[in-house]
Protein backbone atom coordinates (compact mmCIF):
# COMPACT_ATOMS: atom_id res chain seq x y z
CA MET A 1 -21.98 -81.08 -3.83
CA THR A 2 -24.15 -83.38 -5.94
CA ARG A 3 -22.70 -86.65 -7.20
CA VAL A 4 -23.86 -87.28 -10.77
CA ALA A 5 -23.46 -90.18 -13.18
CA VAL A 6 -23.49 -88.64 -16.66
CA LEU A 7 -24.37 -91.35 -19.19
CA SER A 8 -22.98 -90.87 -22.68
CA LEU A 9 -22.88 -94.36 -24.12
CA HIS A 10 -22.24 -93.67 -27.78
CA THR A 11 -19.81 -90.78 -27.77
CA SER A 12 -17.06 -89.48 -25.52
CA PRO A 13 -16.31 -85.90 -24.46
CA LEU A 14 -12.65 -86.75 -25.05
CA VAL A 15 -13.10 -87.49 -28.78
CA GLN A 16 -12.35 -84.96 -31.53
CA PRO A 17 -15.69 -83.48 -32.71
CA GLY A 18 -16.50 -83.39 -36.42
CA SER A 19 -15.96 -86.98 -37.49
CA GLY A 20 -17.51 -90.37 -36.86
CA ASP A 21 -20.30 -89.93 -34.34
CA ALA A 22 -18.52 -87.07 -32.59
CA GLY A 23 -20.19 -83.70 -32.90
CA GLY A 24 -22.06 -81.11 -30.90
CA MET A 25 -23.00 -83.63 -28.22
CA ASN A 26 -19.31 -84.25 -27.43
CA VAL A 27 -18.82 -80.52 -26.95
CA TYR A 28 -22.04 -80.33 -24.92
CA VAL A 29 -21.05 -83.08 -22.48
CA ARG A 30 -17.46 -81.87 -22.13
CA GLU A 31 -18.31 -78.21 -21.53
CA LEU A 32 -21.34 -78.93 -19.37
CA VAL A 33 -19.55 -81.36 -17.06
CA SER A 34 -16.54 -79.05 -16.78
CA SER A 35 -18.84 -76.19 -15.79
CA LEU A 36 -20.75 -78.40 -13.33
CA ALA A 37 -17.45 -79.37 -11.73
CA GLN A 38 -16.58 -75.69 -11.38
CA VAL A 39 -19.80 -75.01 -9.46
CA GLY A 40 -19.02 -77.88 -7.11
CA ASP A 41 -20.70 -80.98 -8.52
CA ASP A 42 -18.84 -84.28 -8.74
CA CYS A 43 -19.52 -85.80 -12.17
CA THR A 44 -18.42 -89.11 -13.64
CA VAL A 45 -19.10 -89.56 -17.36
CA TYR A 46 -19.69 -93.18 -18.41
CA VAL A 47 -18.87 -93.86 -22.08
CA ARG A 48 -18.50 -97.06 -24.04
CA ARG A 49 -14.88 -98.07 -24.58
CA TRP A 50 -14.39 -97.00 -28.20
CA ALA A 51 -10.75 -97.98 -28.83
CA ASP A 52 -8.20 -100.49 -27.62
CA GLY A 53 -5.67 -99.31 -25.07
CA LEU A 54 -7.87 -96.73 -23.37
CA PRO A 55 -7.34 -96.35 -19.62
CA GLU A 56 -10.17 -97.50 -17.40
CA SER A 57 -10.73 -93.92 -16.29
CA VAL A 58 -9.41 -90.44 -17.00
CA ASP A 59 -9.42 -87.63 -14.44
CA VAL A 60 -10.07 -84.61 -16.66
CA GLU A 61 -10.17 -82.09 -13.82
CA PRO A 62 -11.35 -82.07 -10.20
CA GLY A 63 -14.98 -83.16 -10.24
CA PHE A 64 -14.83 -84.41 -13.86
CA LYS A 65 -13.90 -88.02 -14.56
CA VAL A 66 -14.50 -90.19 -17.64
CA VAL A 67 -14.90 -93.96 -17.25
CA HIS A 68 -14.44 -96.19 -20.31
CA VAL A 69 -16.93 -99.04 -20.02
CA PRO A 70 -16.17 -102.24 -21.99
CA ALA A 71 -19.29 -103.22 -23.92
CA GLY A 72 -19.03 -105.07 -27.23
CA PRO A 73 -16.24 -104.77 -29.82
CA VAL A 74 -14.61 -101.33 -29.89
CA ASP A 75 -15.32 -100.85 -33.61
CA LEU A 76 -19.10 -101.23 -33.45
CA ALA A 77 -21.02 -98.89 -35.73
CA LYS A 78 -23.52 -96.59 -34.05
CA GLU A 79 -26.36 -98.53 -35.67
CA GLN A 80 -25.24 -101.67 -33.83
CA LEU A 81 -25.02 -100.10 -30.39
CA PRO A 82 -28.58 -100.99 -29.28
CA HIS A 83 -27.41 -104.60 -29.02
CA ILE A 84 -24.86 -103.82 -26.28
CA VAL A 85 -26.96 -101.45 -24.15
CA ASP A 86 -27.71 -104.17 -21.59
CA GLU A 87 -24.03 -105.07 -21.26
CA PHE A 88 -23.12 -101.40 -20.86
CA THR A 89 -25.87 -100.96 -18.25
CA ASP A 90 -24.73 -104.00 -16.26
CA ARG A 91 -21.18 -102.67 -16.07
CA VAL A 92 -22.25 -99.14 -15.18
CA ARG A 93 -24.45 -100.55 -12.42
CA ALA A 94 -21.45 -102.41 -11.00
CA HIS A 95 -19.52 -99.13 -10.90
CA LEU A 96 -22.38 -97.30 -9.23
CA GLU A 97 -22.86 -99.99 -6.60
CA ALA A 98 -19.21 -99.54 -5.64
CA ASP A 99 -19.22 -95.75 -6.05
CA PRO A 100 -22.79 -94.48 -5.49
CA VAL A 101 -24.25 -91.30 -6.99
CA GLU A 102 -27.36 -89.25 -6.29
CA ILE A 103 -28.53 -88.50 -9.85
CA LEU A 104 -28.43 -90.09 -13.30
CA HIS A 105 -28.16 -87.74 -16.28
CA ALA A 106 -28.59 -89.52 -19.62
CA ASN A 107 -27.58 -88.00 -22.95
CA TYR A 108 -29.18 -89.37 -26.16
CA TRP A 109 -31.73 -92.15 -26.34
CA LEU A 110 -29.26 -95.04 -25.96
CA SER A 111 -28.05 -93.63 -22.65
CA GLY A 112 -31.68 -92.99 -21.78
CA VAL A 113 -32.38 -96.73 -22.00
CA THR A 114 -29.52 -97.34 -19.59
CA GLY A 115 -30.70 -94.56 -17.31
CA HIS A 116 -34.29 -95.83 -17.32
CA ARG A 117 -33.23 -99.27 -16.14
CA LEU A 118 -30.78 -97.95 -13.54
CA LYS A 119 -33.38 -95.55 -12.18
CA HIS A 120 -35.58 -98.48 -11.18
CA GLU A 121 -32.80 -100.81 -10.09
CA LEU A 122 -30.96 -98.24 -7.95
CA ASP A 123 -33.92 -95.99 -7.02
CA LEU A 124 -32.31 -92.85 -8.43
CA PRO A 125 -33.82 -89.79 -10.15
CA LEU A 126 -33.25 -89.60 -13.91
CA ILE A 127 -32.52 -86.45 -15.89
CA SER A 128 -32.72 -86.95 -19.68
CA THR A 129 -31.33 -84.85 -22.51
CA PHE A 130 -32.20 -86.31 -25.91
CA HIS A 131 -30.23 -84.04 -28.30
CA THR A 132 -32.24 -85.49 -31.23
CA LEU A 133 -35.67 -87.12 -31.39
CA ALA A 134 -36.64 -89.90 -33.80
CA ARG A 135 -40.13 -88.60 -34.52
CA VAL A 136 -38.78 -85.13 -35.30
CA LYS A 137 -36.14 -86.54 -37.63
CA ALA A 138 -38.82 -88.58 -39.41
CA GLU A 139 -40.64 -85.39 -40.38
CA THR A 140 -37.77 -84.50 -42.73
CA GLY A 141 -37.24 -88.01 -44.10
CA ASP A 142 -34.58 -89.26 -41.67
CA LEU A 143 -36.38 -92.37 -40.53
CA GLU A 144 -35.30 -94.20 -37.38
CA PRO A 145 -36.28 -97.71 -36.23
CA GLN A 146 -39.54 -98.11 -34.32
CA SER A 147 -37.49 -99.59 -31.49
CA ARG A 148 -35.84 -96.20 -30.98
CA ILE A 149 -39.20 -94.40 -30.97
CA ASP A 150 -40.55 -96.87 -28.41
CA ALA A 151 -37.46 -96.49 -26.24
CA GLU A 152 -37.65 -92.70 -26.36
CA SER A 153 -41.31 -92.84 -25.38
CA ASP A 154 -40.47 -95.02 -22.37
CA VAL A 155 -37.64 -92.73 -21.26
CA VAL A 156 -39.79 -89.62 -21.65
CA ALA A 157 -42.51 -91.23 -19.53
CA CYS A 158 -40.11 -92.11 -16.71
CA SER A 159 -37.71 -89.15 -16.57
CA ASP A 160 -37.93 -87.01 -13.47
CA ILE A 161 -36.82 -84.05 -15.58
CA ILE A 162 -36.18 -83.69 -19.32
CA THR A 163 -33.91 -80.84 -20.34
CA ALA A 164 -34.83 -79.21 -23.64
CA ASN A 165 -32.44 -77.01 -25.57
CA SER A 166 -35.16 -74.61 -26.69
CA VAL A 167 -38.87 -73.82 -26.57
CA THR A 168 -39.20 -75.59 -29.91
CA GLU A 169 -37.81 -78.82 -28.46
CA LEU A 170 -40.16 -78.52 -25.49
CA HIS A 171 -43.13 -78.35 -27.87
CA GLU A 172 -41.76 -81.31 -29.86
CA LEU A 173 -41.51 -83.42 -26.71
CA VAL A 174 -45.07 -82.58 -25.74
CA THR A 175 -46.51 -82.97 -29.24
CA HIS A 176 -44.69 -86.11 -30.37
CA TYR A 177 -44.16 -87.92 -27.06
CA ASN A 178 -46.93 -86.64 -24.79
CA ALA A 179 -44.33 -85.40 -22.31
CA ASP A 180 -45.54 -83.68 -19.17
CA PRO A 181 -44.56 -79.99 -19.53
CA ALA A 182 -44.11 -79.80 -15.75
CA ARG A 183 -41.22 -82.25 -16.10
CA ILE A 184 -39.42 -80.26 -18.80
CA GLU A 185 -36.79 -77.61 -18.10
CA ILE A 186 -35.35 -75.43 -20.87
CA VAL A 187 -31.58 -75.46 -20.43
CA PRO A 188 -29.89 -74.11 -23.57
CA PRO A 189 -26.25 -74.93 -24.30
CA GLY A 190 -23.55 -72.31 -24.10
CA VAL A 191 -20.44 -71.15 -25.90
CA ASP A 192 -16.93 -70.49 -24.63
CA HIS A 193 -16.54 -66.77 -25.26
CA ALA A 194 -12.84 -66.93 -24.41
CA PHE A 195 -12.38 -68.64 -27.79
CA PHE A 196 -15.53 -67.77 -29.73
CA SER A 197 -15.65 -63.98 -30.02
CA PRO A 198 -15.45 -61.42 -32.84
CA GLY A 199 -12.07 -60.76 -34.42
CA SER A 200 -10.30 -59.65 -37.57
CA ARG A 201 -11.57 -61.37 -40.72
CA HIS A 202 -8.39 -60.34 -42.52
CA GLY A 203 -6.24 -61.77 -39.75
CA ALA A 204 -8.22 -65.01 -39.68
CA ARG A 205 -7.86 -65.45 -43.42
CA GLU A 206 -4.15 -64.80 -43.24
CA ALA A 207 -3.82 -67.40 -40.50
CA LEU A 208 -5.63 -69.94 -42.69
CA GLY A 209 -3.74 -68.97 -45.85
CA LEU A 210 -6.90 -67.88 -47.66
CA SER A 211 -7.07 -65.44 -50.57
CA GLY A 212 -9.75 -62.81 -51.24
CA GLY A 213 -13.31 -63.24 -52.46
CA PRO A 214 -16.46 -64.16 -50.52
CA LEU A 215 -16.05 -67.19 -48.27
CA LEU A 216 -18.93 -69.47 -47.29
CA LEU A 217 -18.38 -71.87 -44.40
CA PHE A 218 -19.96 -75.19 -43.46
CA VAL A 219 -18.91 -76.81 -40.16
CA GLY A 220 -20.13 -80.26 -39.20
CA ARG A 221 -20.12 -83.93 -39.94
CA ILE A 222 -20.52 -84.87 -43.58
CA GLN A 223 -23.83 -86.71 -43.48
CA PRO A 224 -27.21 -86.17 -45.17
CA LEU A 225 -28.82 -84.80 -41.99
CA LYS A 226 -26.46 -81.82 -41.91
CA GLY A 227 -27.17 -80.81 -45.51
CA VAL A 228 -23.65 -80.45 -46.90
CA ASP A 229 -25.12 -80.99 -50.38
CA VAL A 230 -27.27 -77.89 -49.92
CA ALA A 231 -24.17 -75.91 -48.98
CA VAL A 232 -22.39 -77.02 -52.15
CA ARG A 233 -25.41 -76.29 -54.35
CA THR A 234 -25.77 -72.89 -52.69
CA LEU A 235 -22.30 -71.97 -53.88
CA GLY A 236 -23.19 -73.21 -57.37
CA SER A 237 -26.33 -71.05 -57.40
CA LEU A 238 -24.65 -67.85 -56.25
CA ASP A 239 -23.39 -66.71 -59.65
CA MET A 240 -20.29 -65.27 -57.98
CA PRO A 241 -17.23 -66.82 -59.65
CA ASP A 242 -14.85 -65.59 -56.94
CA ALA A 243 -16.91 -67.04 -54.07
CA LYS A 244 -15.59 -70.15 -52.31
CA LEU A 245 -16.91 -72.72 -49.87
CA MET A 246 -14.93 -74.28 -47.04
CA ILE A 247 -16.27 -77.46 -45.42
CA VAL A 248 -14.77 -78.32 -42.03
CA GLY A 249 -15.66 -81.83 -40.94
CA GLY A 250 -15.37 -85.52 -41.68
CA SER A 251 -17.49 -88.50 -42.60
CA SER A 252 -20.06 -89.80 -40.14
CA GLY A 253 -22.04 -93.00 -39.77
CA MET A 254 -22.18 -96.14 -41.87
CA GLU A 255 -22.71 -94.09 -45.04
CA GLY A 256 -20.18 -91.44 -44.12
CA ASP A 257 -17.44 -92.33 -46.59
CA ARG A 258 -19.99 -92.65 -49.37
CA GLU A 259 -21.42 -89.25 -48.46
CA VAL A 260 -17.95 -87.73 -48.82
CA GLU A 261 -17.66 -89.36 -52.25
CA ARG A 262 -21.09 -88.03 -53.22
CA THR A 263 -20.02 -84.57 -52.09
CA TRP A 264 -16.93 -84.64 -54.30
CA ASP A 265 -19.02 -85.99 -57.20
CA LEU A 266 -21.47 -83.11 -56.71
CA ILE A 267 -18.64 -80.57 -56.65
CA ASP A 268 -17.31 -82.01 -59.90
CA SER A 269 -20.71 -82.14 -61.60
CA LEU A 270 -21.39 -78.48 -60.76
CA GLY A 271 -17.99 -77.38 -62.06
CA LEU A 272 -16.89 -76.15 -58.63
CA ASP A 273 -13.47 -77.78 -58.59
CA GLY A 274 -10.97 -75.44 -56.97
CA ARG A 275 -13.72 -73.45 -55.28
CA VAL A 276 -14.61 -75.95 -52.56
CA THR A 277 -12.17 -77.10 -49.89
CA ILE A 278 -12.84 -79.90 -47.41
CA VAL A 279 -10.80 -79.54 -44.24
CA SER A 280 -10.46 -82.40 -41.77
CA PRO A 281 -12.06 -81.98 -38.32
CA GLN A 282 -10.28 -79.35 -36.25
CA PRO A 283 -9.68 -79.00 -32.50
CA HIS A 284 -12.77 -77.28 -31.18
CA HIS A 285 -11.16 -74.00 -30.15
CA VAL A 286 -9.47 -73.67 -33.57
CA LEU A 287 -12.89 -73.42 -35.24
CA SER A 288 -13.14 -69.82 -34.09
CA THR A 289 -10.55 -68.84 -36.71
CA TYR A 290 -12.66 -70.42 -39.45
CA TYR A 291 -15.80 -68.65 -38.25
CA ARG A 292 -14.03 -65.27 -38.19
CA ALA A 293 -12.71 -65.83 -41.70
CA ALA A 294 -16.18 -66.47 -43.16
CA ASP A 295 -18.51 -63.97 -44.79
CA VAL A 296 -21.45 -66.36 -44.23
CA CYS A 297 -21.80 -69.55 -42.21
CA LEU A 298 -24.30 -72.01 -43.73
CA VAL A 299 -26.28 -74.27 -41.38
CA PRO A 300 -28.70 -76.14 -43.73
CA SER A 301 -29.53 -79.02 -41.37
CA ARG A 302 -32.68 -81.03 -42.02
CA SER A 303 -33.35 -81.03 -38.27
CA GLU A 304 -31.52 -79.47 -35.36
CA SER A 305 -32.52 -79.57 -31.71
CA PHE A 306 -30.33 -76.53 -31.02
CA GLY A 307 -27.57 -75.71 -33.50
CA LEU A 308 -24.26 -75.24 -31.69
CA VAL A 309 -22.46 -74.33 -34.93
CA ALA A 310 -24.86 -71.44 -35.48
CA LEU A 311 -24.23 -70.19 -31.94
CA GLU A 312 -20.45 -70.43 -32.26
CA ALA A 313 -20.54 -68.63 -35.62
CA ALA A 314 -22.76 -65.90 -34.17
CA ALA A 315 -20.41 -65.47 -31.20
CA CYS A 316 -17.57 -64.86 -33.66
CA GLY A 317 -19.64 -62.34 -35.62
CA ALA A 318 -20.14 -64.53 -38.71
CA PRO A 319 -23.61 -63.96 -40.26
CA VAL A 320 -25.58 -67.23 -40.35
CA VAL A 321 -27.92 -68.54 -43.04
CA ALA A 322 -29.74 -71.46 -41.42
CA SER A 323 -32.62 -73.79 -42.07
CA ASP A 324 -35.91 -72.85 -40.44
CA VAL A 325 -36.07 -75.88 -38.15
CA GLY A 326 -35.86 -76.84 -34.50
CA GLY A 327 -33.70 -74.82 -32.16
CA LEU A 328 -32.43 -72.68 -35.05
CA ARG A 329 -35.78 -70.90 -34.95
CA THR A 330 -34.89 -69.66 -31.47
CA LEU A 331 -31.19 -69.16 -32.02
CA VAL A 332 -31.31 -67.31 -35.36
CA ASP A 333 -33.49 -64.21 -35.08
CA HIS A 334 -34.53 -63.76 -38.72
CA GLU A 335 -33.24 -60.53 -40.29
CA ARG A 336 -31.78 -59.42 -36.96
CA THR A 337 -29.00 -61.88 -36.10
CA GLY A 338 -29.10 -63.98 -39.27
CA LEU A 339 -31.41 -65.35 -41.93
CA ARG A 340 -33.53 -68.49 -41.84
CA VAL A 341 -34.61 -70.37 -44.96
CA SER A 342 -37.69 -72.56 -45.26
CA GLY A 343 -37.36 -75.72 -47.32
CA ARG A 344 -34.29 -77.25 -48.99
CA ASP A 345 -34.04 -75.24 -52.24
CA PRO A 346 -30.41 -74.13 -52.76
CA GLU A 347 -31.69 -71.16 -54.77
CA ASP A 348 -33.35 -69.84 -51.61
CA TYR A 349 -30.15 -70.32 -49.62
CA ALA A 350 -28.21 -68.58 -52.39
CA ALA A 351 -30.65 -65.64 -52.37
CA ALA A 352 -30.25 -65.25 -48.60
CA THR A 353 -26.47 -65.55 -48.89
CA ARG A 354 -26.34 -63.04 -51.74
CA ARG A 355 -28.40 -60.58 -49.72
CA ILE A 356 -25.69 -60.59 -47.05
CA LEU A 357 -22.77 -60.50 -49.48
CA ASP A 358 -24.27 -57.63 -51.51
CA ASP A 359 -25.09 -55.38 -48.55
CA GLU A 360 -22.14 -54.56 -46.30
CA MET A 361 -24.27 -52.52 -43.89
CA PHE A 362 -26.79 -55.34 -43.49
CA ALA A 363 -24.00 -57.88 -43.02
CA ALA A 364 -22.35 -55.69 -40.39
CA SER A 365 -25.62 -55.24 -38.48
CA LEU A 366 -26.23 -59.00 -38.47
CA SER A 367 -22.69 -59.56 -37.24
CA VAL A 368 -22.94 -57.11 -34.35
CA ARG A 369 -26.38 -58.22 -33.22
CA ALA A 370 -25.48 -61.91 -33.48
CA SER A 371 -22.36 -61.55 -31.35
CA GLU A 372 -24.32 -59.50 -28.80
CA ALA A 373 -27.12 -62.08 -28.63
CA ALA A 374 -24.60 -64.89 -28.21
CA THR A 375 -23.26 -63.37 -24.99
CA SER A 376 -26.38 -64.58 -23.16
CA TYR A 377 -25.42 -68.21 -23.88
CA THR A 378 -22.73 -69.38 -21.47
CA TRP A 379 -21.84 -72.81 -20.13
CA SER A 380 -21.64 -71.41 -16.61
CA SER A 381 -25.24 -70.14 -16.72
CA MET A 382 -26.32 -73.51 -18.12
CA ALA A 383 -24.48 -75.32 -15.33
CA ASN A 384 -26.04 -73.12 -12.67
CA ARG A 385 -29.51 -73.71 -14.07
CA LEU A 386 -28.95 -77.46 -14.24
CA ASN A 387 -27.44 -77.46 -10.77
CA ARG A 388 -30.71 -76.02 -9.44
CA VAL A 389 -32.57 -78.85 -11.22
CA TYR A 390 -30.24 -81.38 -9.58
CA GLU A 391 -30.82 -79.83 -6.16
CA THR A 392 -34.57 -80.10 -6.60
CA VAL A 393 -34.74 -83.72 -7.74
CA ARG A 394 -32.10 -85.09 -5.36
CA HIS A 395 -34.32 -84.15 -2.41
CA GLN A 396 -37.42 -85.78 -3.89
CA ALA A 397 -38.43 -89.38 -4.38
CA PRO A 398 -38.02 -90.49 -8.02
CA VAL A 399 -41.24 -89.98 -9.96
CA ASP A 400 -43.30 -92.89 -11.24
CA CYS A 401 -43.46 -93.71 -14.92
CA LEU A 402 -46.31 -91.93 -16.69
CA ALA A 403 -46.92 -94.85 -19.02
């Protein structure tokens, strides 16, 4: 049994994904830690206390505990969190001095800053999973502060192991951050096939109270990075009056509410009233019904280290039209399990979508191959792979910083 402190400062595995700052990372941490517990590791997840009245700790299951760490006001925006990292780190250190662990596993750059400091103060190995990278986001216009870039560079240089979601992310770490490839392990996320598996489209639509006609689906937080505007414009460019778009997700970040307003304004300006529905964030397992109901799942993200939505859709047999970026290049096998689109032109997304809607045989082949490919992605295999990484580093002295 390995005792692990999983650092997840800015978002909790207990929070509903799809709104605020809760998304794929919440699912990742929850499912990963649950699977690690099942293979015998003892994991405590340290998150910032994000609401009043939360218990100090929650025992989720044997080997999986969440500790709510008080650090700053509970209603801090994500953009303000760098200011409380030191306070969070001090309190986590106090916990770890009373309840020692063998490994630190940081998720996202903010947790990486905490992990970097604790590595040196407690002489512990550090595993880092970044989920997104500032320099990669900058390539598509999503600029991040230089302080984040500097912090990521420091964490990369001092991590004993960095886990990358895909080969693409490995190359990004090496290219943009001069990471040592020998310190990078590819550990792709998984999907819970007990929930996310093929099923009846007719039955799913009945369960959701949906009528006929082609259905496009967008799942994710409503923020510029995820490209919800491209999804709406894709519907407008389809020239299929009976086609509809369902958006499942909520606002995210400081501009989240404004982005929802912009989305409704765009729907109105394109004359798509009555053809677009925005559904509030759903319990994770319920999303499988939405995926099964869809003819096409749109994933037009500007950047994506992996693309959990695309994997979940594929597992349910929903053909995916995704942007040609990041981990989606690995996950979506073009013209075999889905279609990838270069650039941001909605006309190109509409052409790819129309190709699937107009060809039932092609759509069926994508569906079958996608669901088959998705079976190789499981949380248990990810946990076993990561467990081997833990076993290696826990028996070695922590590496020195490369910087």
